[in-house]
Structure formats: C-alpha cells, structure tokens
N, C-alpha and C. Protein backbone atom coordinates (compact mmCIF):
# COMPACT_ATOMS: atom_id res chain seq x y z
N MET A 1 115.84 78.92 64.41
CA MET A 1 114.51 78.18 63.58
C MET A 1 114.40 77.84 61.94
N GLU A 2 115.09 77.14 61.84
CA GLU A 2 115.36 76.42 60.28
C GLU A 2 115.40 77.69 59.70
N ASP A 3 114.51 77.57 58.48
CA ASP A 3 114.25 78.77 57.64
C ASP A 3 113.34 79.55 57.59
N ILE A 4 112.41 79.41 58.67
CA ILE A 4 111.16 79.76 58.84
C ILE A 4 111.43 81.16 60.08
N LYS A 5 110.68 81.99 59.79
CA LYS A 5 110.65 83.39 60.76
C LYS A 5 109.74 83.18 61.95
N PRO A 6 110.24 83.71 63.27
CA PRO A 6 109.27 83.18 64.06
C PRO A 6 108.00 84.03 63.64
N ALA A 7 106.74 83.39 64.18
CA ALA A 7 105.56 84.09 63.91
C ALA A 7 105.19 85.38 64.32
N THR A 8 105.85 85.81 65.08
CA THR A 8 105.75 87.60 65.65
C THR A 8 106.26 88.36 64.93
N GLU A 9 107.76 87.66 64.00
CA GLU A 9 108.45 88.60 63.35
C GLU A 9 107.57 88.52 61.96
N ASP A 10 107.09 87.67 61.45
CA ASP A 10 106.38 87.50 60.15
C ASP A 10 104.91 88.61 60.18
N LEU A 11 104.06 88.34 61.57
CA LEU A 11 103.27 89.29 62.00
C LEU A 11 103.65 90.66 62.02
N MET A 12 104.69 90.88 62.48
CA MET A 12 105.38 92.42 62.03
C MET A 12 105.41 92.64 60.96
N ASN A 13 106.25 91.88 60.00
CA ASN A 13 106.31 91.87 58.43
C ASN A 13 104.93 92.59 57.92
N GLU A 14 103.91 91.60 58.52
CA GLU A 14 102.46 92.08 57.81
C GLU A 14 101.89 93.22 58.06
N HIS A 15 102.27 93.75 59.36
CA HIS A 15 101.97 95.13 59.64
C HIS A 15 102.87 95.78 58.79
N GLY A 16 103.80 96.00 58.36
CA GLY A 16 104.73 96.39 57.58
C GLY A 16 104.08 96.74 56.11
N LEU A 17 103.47 95.87 55.80
CA LEU A 17 102.59 95.77 54.46
C LEU A 17 101.55 96.68 54.84
N LEU A 18 100.85 96.55 55.87
CA LEU A 18 99.46 97.37 56.24
C LEU A 18 99.99 98.69 56.45
N ASN A 19 101.03 99.02 56.91
CA ASN A 19 101.57 100.33 57.24
C ASN A 19 101.68 100.99 56.08
N ARG A 20 102.46 100.46 54.83
CA ARG A 20 102.24 100.89 53.13
C ARG A 20 101.26 101.29 52.64
N ILE A 21 100.09 100.20 53.03
CA ILE A 21 98.95 100.55 52.60
C ILE A 21 98.36 101.91 53.43
N MET A 22 98.61 101.88 54.35
CA MET A 22 98.20 103.30 55.28
C MET A 22 98.87 104.61 54.79
N ILE A 23 99.94 104.50 54.16
CA ILE A 23 100.47 105.49 53.64
C ILE A 23 100.21 106.04 52.35
N VAL A 24 99.39 105.09 51.45
CA VAL A 24 98.96 105.43 50.48
C VAL A 24 97.66 106.02 50.57
N TYR A 25 96.79 105.20 51.76
CA TYR A 25 95.48 105.80 52.31
C TYR A 25 95.82 107.24 52.77
N ASP A 26 96.75 107.56 53.42
CA ASP A 26 96.93 109.04 53.78
C ASP A 26 96.97 109.96 52.76
N LEU A 27 97.86 109.33 51.77
CA LEU A 27 97.93 110.15 50.31
C LEU A 27 96.40 110.63 50.01
N CYS A 28 95.58 109.27 49.91
CA CYS A 28 94.50 109.54 49.21
C CYS A 28 93.40 110.57 49.83
N VAL A 29 93.73 110.34 51.01
CA VAL A 29 92.74 111.54 52.04
C VAL A 29 93.17 112.94 51.99
N GLU A 30 94.54 112.98 51.70
CA GLU A 30 95.09 114.56 51.54
C GLU A 30 94.58 115.04 50.00
N LYS A 31 94.61 114.23 49.32
CA LYS A 31 94.53 114.53 47.84
C LYS A 31 92.66 114.36 47.62
N ARG A 32 92.04 113.72 48.37
CA ARG A 32 90.59 113.48 48.32
C ARG A 32 90.48 112.96 46.73
N ALA A 33 91.08 111.63 46.45
CA ALA A 33 91.28 111.29 45.30
C ALA A 33 91.82 109.92 45.20
N HIS A 34 91.86 109.30 44.09
CA HIS A 34 92.50 107.94 43.75
C HIS A 34 91.59 106.88 44.45
N PHE A 35 90.44 106.76 44.20
CA PHE A 35 89.09 106.05 44.53
C PHE A 35 89.59 104.54 43.95
N ALA A 36 89.91 104.35 42.74
CA ALA A 36 90.30 103.12 42.14
C ALA A 36 91.41 102.32 42.97
N GLU A 37 92.36 103.20 43.23
CA GLU A 37 93.56 102.73 44.20
C GLU A 37 93.26 102.16 45.55
N VAL A 38 92.09 103.24 46.30
CA VAL A 38 91.68 102.54 47.33
C VAL A 38 90.88 101.42 47.16
N VAL A 39 90.27 100.98 46.30
CA VAL A 39 89.73 99.86 46.23
C VAL A 39 90.75 98.51 46.18
N VAL A 40 91.71 98.74 45.22
CA VAL A 40 92.55 97.70 45.03
C VAL A 40 93.56 97.27 46.44
N LEU A 41 93.60 98.43 47.14
CA LEU A 41 94.25 98.26 48.48
C LEU A 41 93.58 97.57 49.53
N THR A 42 92.30 98.10 49.37
CA THR A 42 91.29 97.54 50.52
C THR A 42 90.93 96.27 50.21
N GLU A 43 91.02 95.93 48.92
CA GLU A 43 90.82 94.25 49.02
C GLU A 43 92.23 93.40 49.35
N ILE A 44 93.23 93.87 49.44
CA ILE A 44 94.07 93.37 50.27
C ILE A 44 93.87 93.47 51.83
N VAL A 45 93.57 94.57 52.29
CA VAL A 45 93.03 94.62 53.74
C VAL A 45 92.44 93.59 53.92
N LYS A 46 91.09 93.49 53.28
CA LYS A 46 89.86 92.36 53.47
C LYS A 46 90.51 90.98 53.46
N ASP A 47 91.19 90.83 52.41
CA ASP A 47 91.77 89.36 51.98
C ASP A 47 92.83 89.05 52.97
N PHE A 48 93.96 89.62 53.24
CA PHE A 48 95.30 89.46 53.71
C PHE A 48 95.00 89.51 55.11
N ILE A 49 95.04 90.86 55.34
CA ILE A 49 95.13 91.49 56.77
C ILE A 49 93.67 90.83 57.50
N GLU A 50 92.35 91.25 57.22
CA GLU A 50 91.49 90.75 58.09
C GLU A 50 91.37 89.10 57.94
N ASN A 51 91.03 88.63 56.72
CA ASN A 51 90.78 87.43 56.74
C ASN A 51 91.90 86.48 56.88
N PHE A 52 93.13 86.71 57.23
CA PHE A 52 94.33 85.87 57.43
C PHE A 52 94.99 86.29 58.57
N HIS A 53 95.56 87.53 58.40
CA HIS A 53 96.70 88.11 59.45
C HIS A 53 95.82 87.83 61.07
N GLU A 54 94.69 88.54 60.96
CA GLU A 54 94.04 88.58 62.07
C GLU A 54 93.69 87.51 62.64
N LYS A 55 93.41 86.52 61.64
CA LYS A 55 92.83 85.24 62.22
C LYS A 55 94.12 84.21 62.72
N MET A 56 95.07 84.53 62.10
CA MET A 56 96.31 84.16 62.95
C MET A 56 96.41 84.52 64.12
N GLU A 57 96.48 85.99 64.51
CA GLU A 57 96.39 86.50 65.75
C GLU A 57 95.65 86.00 66.79
N GLU A 58 94.26 85.59 66.62
CA GLU A 58 93.25 85.34 67.23
C GLU A 58 93.45 83.60 67.72
N THR A 59 93.58 83.12 66.46
CA THR A 59 93.71 81.65 67.03
C THR A 59 95.05 81.32 67.47
N TYR A 60 96.37 81.93 67.15
CA TYR A 60 97.47 81.13 67.63
C TYR A 60 98.18 82.24 68.58
N ILE A 61 98.08 83.40 68.54
CA ILE A 61 98.91 84.23 69.34
C ILE A 61 98.15 84.65 70.56
N PHE A 62 96.85 85.24 70.56
CA PHE A 62 96.08 85.75 71.60
C PHE A 62 95.80 84.84 72.87
N PRO A 63 95.42 83.75 72.38
CA PRO A 63 95.33 82.68 73.78
C PRO A 63 96.22 82.21 74.62
N ALA A 64 97.60 82.76 74.02
CA ALA A 64 98.46 82.52 74.98
C ALA A 64 98.39 83.43 76.34
N PHE A 65 97.46 84.64 75.92
CA PHE A 65 97.54 85.59 77.13
C PHE A 65 96.25 85.49 78.10
N LYS A 66 95.56 84.34 77.95
CA LYS A 66 94.49 84.26 78.88
C LYS A 66 94.94 83.94 80.16
N GLY A 67 94.00 84.43 81.09
CA GLY A 67 94.83 84.72 82.52
C GLY A 67 95.76 85.44 82.71
N SER A 68 96.31 86.52 81.92
CA SER A 68 97.51 86.98 81.98
C SER A 68 96.83 88.56 82.25
N LYS A 69 97.66 89.52 82.62
CA LYS A 69 97.31 91.12 83.07
C LYS A 69 97.25 91.58 81.49
N TYR A 70 97.62 91.02 80.41
CA TYR A 70 97.21 91.68 79.01
C TYR A 70 95.44 91.06 78.49
N GLU A 71 95.10 90.28 79.23
CA GLU A 71 93.59 89.92 78.72
C GLU A 71 92.83 90.97 78.31
N GLU A 72 92.62 92.03 79.04
CA GLU A 72 91.88 93.12 78.79
C GLU A 72 92.53 93.86 77.37
N LEU A 73 93.76 93.97 76.96
CA LEU A 73 94.26 94.28 75.82
C LEU A 73 93.72 93.50 75.02
N ILE A 74 94.05 92.29 74.83
CA ILE A 74 93.79 91.32 73.74
C ILE A 74 92.24 91.49 73.37
N GLU A 75 91.37 91.52 74.53
CA GLU A 75 89.81 91.86 74.41
C GLU A 75 89.67 92.98 73.24
N LEU A 76 90.31 94.04 73.42
CA LEU A 76 90.02 95.26 72.98
C LEU A 76 90.64 95.04 71.32
N LEU A 77 91.73 94.30 71.39
CA LEU A 77 92.44 94.28 70.00
C LEU A 77 91.24 93.27 69.21
N ILE A 78 90.86 92.18 69.92
CA ILE A 78 89.53 91.48 69.31
C ILE A 78 88.39 92.30 68.55
N LYS A 79 88.14 93.47 69.44
CA LYS A 79 86.90 94.51 69.06
C LYS A 79 87.68 95.30 68.07
N GLN A 80 88.66 95.46 68.10
CA GLN A 80 89.25 96.50 66.96
C GLN A 80 89.39 95.87 65.51
N HIS A 81 89.30 94.34 65.58
CA HIS A 81 89.47 93.43 64.33
C HIS A 81 88.18 93.69 63.89
N ARG A 82 87.04 93.43 64.63
CA ARG A 82 85.75 93.65 64.13
C ARG A 82 85.33 94.87 63.52
N ALA A 83 86.06 96.00 64.36
CA ALA A 83 85.66 97.49 63.75
C ALA A 83 86.51 97.38 62.47
N SER A 84 87.40 96.94 62.42
CA SER A 84 88.46 97.19 61.09
C SER A 84 87.54 96.67 59.77
N ALA A 85 87.04 95.56 60.11
CA ALA A 85 86.31 94.72 59.31
C ALA A 85 84.77 95.60 58.72
N ASP A 86 84.35 96.34 59.73
CA ASP A 86 83.10 96.92 59.42
C ASP A 86 83.79 98.50 58.59
N LEU A 87 84.81 98.97 58.94
CA LEU A 87 85.29 100.35 58.29
C LEU A 87 85.75 99.87 56.94
N THR A 88 86.48 98.65 56.71
CA THR A 88 86.87 98.21 55.61
C THR A 88 85.66 98.09 54.64
N SER A 89 84.71 97.51 54.97
CA SER A 89 83.37 97.29 54.08
C SER A 89 82.92 98.62 53.97
N SER A 90 82.67 99.34 54.59
CA SER A 90 82.32 100.77 54.11
C SER A 90 83.39 101.37 53.16
N ILE A 91 84.51 101.22 53.27
CA ILE A 91 85.62 102.20 52.48
C ILE A 91 85.45 101.49 51.12
N VAL A 92 85.52 100.19 51.11
CA VAL A 92 85.29 99.50 49.44
C VAL A 92 84.04 99.77 49.09
N THR A 93 83.12 99.51 49.71
CA THR A 93 81.81 100.43 49.03
C THR A 93 81.78 101.90 48.65
N GLN A 94 82.17 102.57 49.46
CA GLN A 94 82.37 104.17 49.23
C GLN A 94 83.32 104.45 48.20
N ALA A 95 84.44 103.83 48.14
CA ALA A 95 85.43 103.97 47.25
C ALA A 95 84.93 103.50 45.77
N LYS A 96 84.15 102.16 45.60
CA LYS A 96 83.65 101.88 44.10
C LYS A 96 82.47 102.84 43.69
N ASN A 97 81.70 103.87 44.73
CA ASN A 97 80.91 104.59 44.17
C ASN A 97 81.36 105.85 44.35
N ASN A 98 82.62 106.14 44.25
CA ASN A 98 83.26 107.28 44.10
C ASN A 98 82.74 108.46 45.13
N ASP A 99 82.37 107.94 46.49
CA ASP A 99 81.75 108.54 47.55
C ASP A 99 82.59 109.13 48.60
N ALA A 100 82.64 110.70 48.31
CA ALA A 100 83.52 111.33 49.35
C ALA A 100 83.59 111.21 50.84
N ALA A 101 82.73 110.31 51.03
CA ALA A 101 82.66 109.91 52.89
C ALA A 101 83.67 108.81 52.94
N VAL A 102 84.03 108.34 52.02
CA VAL A 102 85.10 107.39 51.65
C VAL A 102 86.68 107.75 52.74
N PHE A 103 86.74 109.29 52.50
CA PHE A 103 87.88 109.75 53.11
C PHE A 103 87.54 109.85 54.67
N ASP A 104 86.38 109.81 55.12
CA ASP A 104 86.19 109.95 56.67
C ASP A 104 86.19 108.41 57.16
N SER A 105 85.86 107.41 56.40
CA SER A 105 85.88 106.12 56.71
C SER A 105 87.56 105.83 56.76
N ILE A 106 88.22 106.13 55.74
CA ILE A 106 89.62 105.77 55.81
C ILE A 106 90.20 106.60 57.19
N THR A 107 90.25 107.68 57.39
CA THR A 107 90.55 108.39 58.73
C THR A 107 90.43 107.78 59.87
N SER A 108 89.02 107.07 59.99
CA SER A 108 88.57 106.40 61.01
C SER A 108 89.69 104.98 61.36
N PHE A 109 89.89 104.63 60.03
CA PHE A 109 90.50 103.36 59.79
C PHE A 109 92.31 103.66 60.23
N LEU A 110 92.27 104.72 59.80
CA LEU A 110 93.86 104.86 60.25
C LEU A 110 94.15 105.14 61.37
N LYS A 111 93.16 105.97 62.44
CA LYS A 111 93.47 106.35 63.54
C LYS A 111 93.19 104.88 64.44
N MET A 112 92.59 104.12 64.14
CA MET A 112 92.30 102.58 64.86
C MET A 112 93.32 101.99 64.71
N TYR A 113 93.56 101.86 63.41
CA TYR A 113 94.67 100.70 63.09
C TYR A 113 96.05 101.00 63.52
N ARG A 114 96.24 102.23 63.47
CA ARG A 114 97.95 102.82 63.90
C ARG A 114 97.74 102.28 65.48
N LEU A 115 97.17 102.77 66.24
CA LEU A 115 96.97 102.29 67.50
C LEU A 115 97.02 100.85 67.80
N HIS A 116 96.30 100.25 67.07
CA HIS A 116 95.94 98.68 67.05
C HIS A 116 97.47 98.02 66.93
N SER A 117 97.80 98.32 65.69
CA SER A 117 99.34 97.64 65.37
C SER A 117 100.38 97.97 66.19
N SER A 118 100.46 99.27 66.60
CA SER A 118 101.57 99.66 67.58
C SER A 118 101.45 98.95 68.77
N ARG A 119 100.14 98.64 69.52
CA ARG A 119 100.21 97.88 70.76
C ARG A 119 100.39 96.32 70.42
N GLU A 120 100.23 96.01 69.24
CA GLU A 120 100.46 94.36 69.11
C GLU A 120 102.33 94.25 68.74
N ASP A 121 102.63 95.18 68.01
CA ASP A 121 104.05 95.34 67.78
C ASP A 121 104.92 95.57 69.12
N THR A 122 104.61 96.42 69.82
CA THR A 122 105.24 96.59 70.86
C THR A 122 104.72 96.05 72.34
N ILE A 123 103.97 95.27 72.56
CA ILE A 123 103.22 94.75 73.49
C ILE A 123 103.12 93.12 73.59
N VAL A 124 102.14 93.00 72.80
CA VAL A 124 101.75 91.76 72.32
C VAL A 124 102.81 90.54 71.73
N PHE A 125 103.49 90.89 70.71
CA PHE A 125 104.32 90.17 69.99
C PHE A 125 105.64 90.04 70.98
N ARG A 126 106.24 91.06 71.62
CA ARG A 126 107.20 90.79 72.49
C ARG A 126 106.99 90.03 73.59
N LYS A 127 105.57 90.14 74.51
CA LYS A 127 105.12 89.49 75.63
C LYS A 127 105.04 87.76 75.24
N TYR A 128 104.51 87.73 73.98
CA TYR A 128 104.20 86.37 73.38
C TYR A 128 105.61 85.49 73.56
N ARG A 129 106.43 86.02 72.87
CA ARG A 129 107.86 85.24 73.01
C ARG A 129 108.38 85.13 74.42
N LYS A 130 107.79 85.83 75.45
CA LYS A 130 108.33 85.25 76.64
C LYS A 130 107.08 84.47 77.67
N LEU A 131 105.99 84.57 76.83
CA LEU A 131 104.95 83.62 77.50
C LEU A 131 105.01 82.13 76.90
N VAL A 132 105.35 81.97 76.05
CA VAL A 132 105.77 80.50 75.34
C VAL A 132 107.20 79.93 75.02
N ASP A 133 107.45 78.74 75.30
CA ASP A 133 108.75 78.39 75.23
C ASP A 133 108.93 78.20 73.72
N THR A 134 110.18 77.63 73.31
CA THR A 134 110.88 77.82 71.98
C THR A 134 110.36 76.82 71.25
N ALA A 135 109.79 75.62 71.56
CA ALA A 135 109.30 74.82 70.90
C ALA A 135 107.71 75.33 70.53
N GLU A 136 107.13 75.65 71.23
CA GLU A 136 105.93 76.11 71.06
C GLU A 136 106.00 77.29 70.01
N LEU A 137 107.00 78.36 70.21
CA LEU A 137 107.13 79.44 69.07
C LEU A 137 107.40 78.56 67.72
N ARG A 138 108.19 77.59 67.75
CA ARG A 138 108.56 76.88 66.34
C ARG A 138 107.22 76.25 65.90
N ARG A 139 106.60 75.82 66.46
CA ARG A 139 105.09 75.07 66.10
C ARG A 139 104.38 75.92 65.57
N VAL A 140 104.10 77.14 66.01
CA VAL A 140 103.21 78.12 65.80
C VAL A 140 103.58 78.79 64.41
N SER A 141 104.93 78.93 64.49
CA SER A 141 105.64 79.66 63.61
C SER A 141 105.35 79.19 62.34
N LYS A 142 105.80 77.58 62.56
CA LYS A 142 105.70 76.90 61.15
C LYS A 142 103.99 76.79 60.64
N LEU A 143 103.45 76.64 61.35
CA LEU A 143 101.99 76.60 61.31
C LEU A 143 101.34 77.57 60.58
N ILE A 144 102.00 78.85 60.88
CA ILE A 144 101.30 80.17 60.13
C ILE A 144 101.92 80.16 58.72
N ASP A 145 103.33 79.99 58.87
CA ASP A 145 104.23 79.75 57.74
C ASP A 145 103.24 78.89 56.46
N ASP A 146 102.82 77.66 57.08
CA ASP A 146 102.25 76.84 56.05
C ASP A 146 101.02 76.94 55.94
N LEU A 147 100.02 77.66 56.44
CA LEU A 147 98.91 77.84 56.30
C LEU A 147 98.91 79.27 55.47
N GLU A 148 100.22 80.20 55.43
CA GLU A 148 99.99 81.49 54.56
C GLU A 148 100.58 81.04 53.03
N ASP A 149 101.48 79.97 52.95
CA ASP A 149 101.70 78.92 51.73
C ASP A 149 100.88 78.43 51.21
N GLU A 150 99.95 78.03 51.95
CA GLU A 150 98.81 77.07 51.46
C GLU A 150 97.75 78.15 50.66
N ARG A 151 97.59 79.29 51.46
CA ARG A 151 96.50 80.24 51.00
C ARG A 151 96.95 80.97 49.94
N TYR A 152 98.35 81.26 50.08
CA TYR A 152 98.65 82.56 49.01
C TYR A 152 99.98 82.11 48.07
N GLY A 153 100.17 80.56 48.14
CA GLY A 153 101.32 80.43 47.60
C GLY A 153 102.93 80.72 48.45
N LYS A 154 103.88 80.00 47.86
CA LYS A 154 105.18 80.15 48.64
C LYS A 154 105.52 81.46 48.55
N ASN A 155 105.45 82.31 47.53
CA ASN A 155 105.84 83.94 47.62
C ASN A 155 104.46 84.71 47.55
N GLY A 156 103.60 84.29 48.30
CA GLY A 156 102.24 85.21 48.46
C GLY A 156 102.55 86.41 49.13
N PHE A 157 103.42 86.45 50.07
CA PHE A 157 103.63 87.66 50.81
C PHE A 157 104.00 88.95 49.43
N ASP A 158 105.27 88.41 48.81
CA ASP A 158 105.79 89.28 48.06
C ASP A 158 104.92 89.37 46.97
N MET A 159 104.04 88.72 46.64
CA MET A 159 102.77 88.81 45.50
C MET A 159 102.03 89.90 45.94
N LEU A 160 101.68 90.04 47.30
CA LEU A 160 100.89 91.25 47.86
C LEU A 160 101.72 92.51 47.96
N LEU A 161 103.02 92.67 48.34
CA LEU A 161 103.72 93.41 48.54
C LEU A 161 104.02 93.92 47.01
N GLY A 162 104.11 93.22 45.92
CA GLY A 162 104.21 93.85 44.75
C GLY A 162 102.94 94.62 44.06
N ARG A 163 101.85 94.18 44.63
CA ARG A 163 100.67 94.81 44.35
C ARG A 163 100.54 96.38 45.18
N VAL A 164 101.04 96.32 46.25
CA VAL A 164 100.88 97.77 46.87
C VAL A 164 102.22 98.38 46.13
N ILE A 165 103.15 97.83 45.92
CA ILE A 165 104.25 98.89 45.24
C ILE A 165 103.93 98.90 43.73
N VAL A 166 102.99 98.62 43.00
CA VAL A 166 102.33 99.09 41.82
C VAL A 166 101.48 100.26 42.13
N VAL A 167 100.80 100.24 43.03
CA VAL A 167 100.00 101.49 43.65
C VAL A 167 100.78 102.63 43.92
N GLU A 168 101.91 102.33 44.73
CA GLU A 168 102.91 103.58 45.21
C GLU A 168 103.62 104.04 44.08
N GLN A 169 103.94 102.92 42.94
CA GLN A 169 104.27 103.82 41.75
C GLN A 169 103.53 104.55 40.85
N LEU A 170 102.23 104.22 40.67
CA LEU A 170 101.14 104.84 39.96
C LEU A 170 101.06 106.33 40.95
N LEU A 171 100.98 106.57 41.95
CA LEU A 171 100.92 107.48 42.77
C LEU A 171 102.09 108.33 42.85
N GLY A 172 103.51 107.99 42.35
CA GLY A 172 104.64 108.51 42.50
C GLY A 172 105.13 108.46 43.85
N ILE A 173 104.80 107.71 44.84
CA ILE A 173 105.51 107.74 46.15
C ILE A 173 106.03 106.51 46.74
N TYR A 174 106.60 105.50 45.51
CA TYR A 174 107.55 104.35 45.70
C TYR A 174 108.79 104.68 46.13
N ILE A 175 109.53 104.13 47.30
CA ILE A 175 110.81 104.49 47.38
C ILE A 175 111.25 103.19 47.58
N GLY A 176 112.23 102.52 47.05
CA GLY A 176 112.83 101.20 47.14
C GLY A 176 113.94 100.95 46.34
C-alpha cells in the first residue's frame, strides 16, 4: 500500500503510544507523585487518543462490524470510549489540583483501557482486515493518514511520541 500503513497497523501504533503513557501512569500511581507529568500526558490522551484515535475507530473501523457476531463487542468498546473520556476529565482536574484521588482515577483508567485496547488489537483490527477488501482498506488507511496529517502535521505522531519520551526521561524510565 504505497507508503501508507494499513489503518489497523496505524491504530495499533497509536495504542503503543497509549501503552507508554500507561506505563508512566503506573509509575505515578506506585510513587503517588508526579502530578504535573500526569497533566501533560492526560492532555495527549484527551486530544490524540480520545478526540482523534477513538473517532477514527468509531467512524471508519467499527461500522464494518454492523450485523456481525462482534456487534456486541463494538457496542462495549464505544461505551468504554465514553468512560475513558469521563475518567480522563477527572484525572486532569484531580492532577491539576494535586488531589490524591487522581491515583484511583488513573487505576480505573488503566484497568479499563488495557482490556479495551487488547480487544481492539487482537480481535477488532485483525477481523477488520478480513471483513473489508483491499480497496476499502487502502481507502480508509489513506483517509485516516490524511486526517492525521491535517490535524497534527506530517510528523504529528512523532511529535506526540517525543512529548511522551520527554516525560519518560524526566522520570528516569526512558529506554530507547
């Protein structure tokens, strides 16, 4: 597919970015510290994961499952997207106020989103490639790639990853 990654691979890479954020969240919960770092990362979750990544899934990937045996799973994933947004709002407010309740909110987010992203990676994205033909996969992949470039710039993902790496470095957990 030219030099455009399949949409499913691109979405999995975005889960990789989220997983790196969740590793930092784990450290913050363990140390019960790093409120400022939580705020920085939660802004990425809100802007990129919730307002872009999840919208791409709901708009371009999930509709392919309508009428399939996976329809109930898709409905659950959409509900989890809404729950993620609620948790993220709580996390950012609590972290900005240095409220220790943030660690419970982060723990809830981690528990829910790890289950969520694992189902998307191992079921939804794999099955999607079997449900659509090559032309549709190319069309959706190019469309998502173009929308990401339009919103974040040609190297937007790398820029966001760079912001996560800075936090990892600050906390002494960067490996790369």
